[in-house]
Amino acid sequence: MNNIIVTGANGQLGTEIVNIMTSGRSELGQLSSFYKNCNVIGTDIDDLDISNLDKTIEFIENNKPYTVVNCAAMTNVDGCETNIDGAFKANAIGPRNLAIACEKVGAKILQVSTDYVFDGMGQSPYIEADMVNPNSVYGASKNLGEKYVREFCNKWFITRTAWLYGYKGNNFVKTIVKLAREKGFLKVVDDQVGNPTNAADLAWHICKLIITDEYGIYHCTGRGECSWYDFACEIVKCFNLNATVEPCSTEEFPRPANRPKYSSLDNFMLKLTIGDEFRHWKDAIKEYSKNVEI
């Protein structure tokens, strides 16, 4: 029986991963039969504080996992700007500790990362070989987490994703639906471009990756790109909401943290290895609208 540890298991991605691993299937299909002989151990900060090295090593040594999937992170982008210590503890020290612990027991580690490791000044989708240059505390802390994982464990995967939404927790989709119902009128920025990503699609690819030896960095986002305004319009359409959406500029809604203007990712390495089965972002949000309760 192979143990698989999922940290941040109460979050929207962690919940999705645990659910499909234990059920054996996802919206994209049936999982490998490998998972029939797996014991999934979901943990969150109440069970394990990954910023504590000694406790992390103890937990990993006690459970001797085949793989650790690290979904634990401080994802409040603006909050990271003011709580810099917390951001680096969660997003850099935590992954480092897990990587050290995994190396001790010969386990694999998969680190979930972000498009924020790029500065967003590009004009074509970033591939895994492109140089990173984060311009926010969140991006810098996640970038350092990537470096630590590569440095301290020999068997590593890094999956960079973006604009993630899932069935559990809060996200952009749920926010737009609630505001559209309450106000009937929304202004959404149209000068930031990226890839909306359904957590079910990301979880599926993570489950495919970790049972291989195809180690490395992977971009894992929904197919196609759009602005937040385009995304909001599609959400209103899919949920059949009686609301008007108007475009606006980032300058009209200043935030503490810099947002990448263009952070579209190309799932280049997926195509060359295990295959890219991500749905187009419009298809994924349409399916999500049928299954979620908001």
Foldseek 3Di string as FASTA:
>chain_A
DAEEEEEPCQDQLNVLLVVCLVVQAFPLGGFDCVSVPYDYHYYYVVRPQLLDLVRLLVVCVVRLHQEYEYPWADPPQQVCQVVVVRRLSGQASSLLSNLQSCQVSVHEYEYEAELQQAQQPDDDADEPPDDGDHQGSNNVSNVNSVVSNVVRHPQYEYEYEYQEDGQDDDHPLVVLVVCCQVPQEEEFAFQAKEAHAYSRLVSRVVSVPRVDSLHDYFYAGAPDMGGSQVVSVLSCVLLVGNHYYHYDHCVVPDGNTDDNRYRYHDRVVCCVPVRHPHHHRSVVSNVVSVPHDD
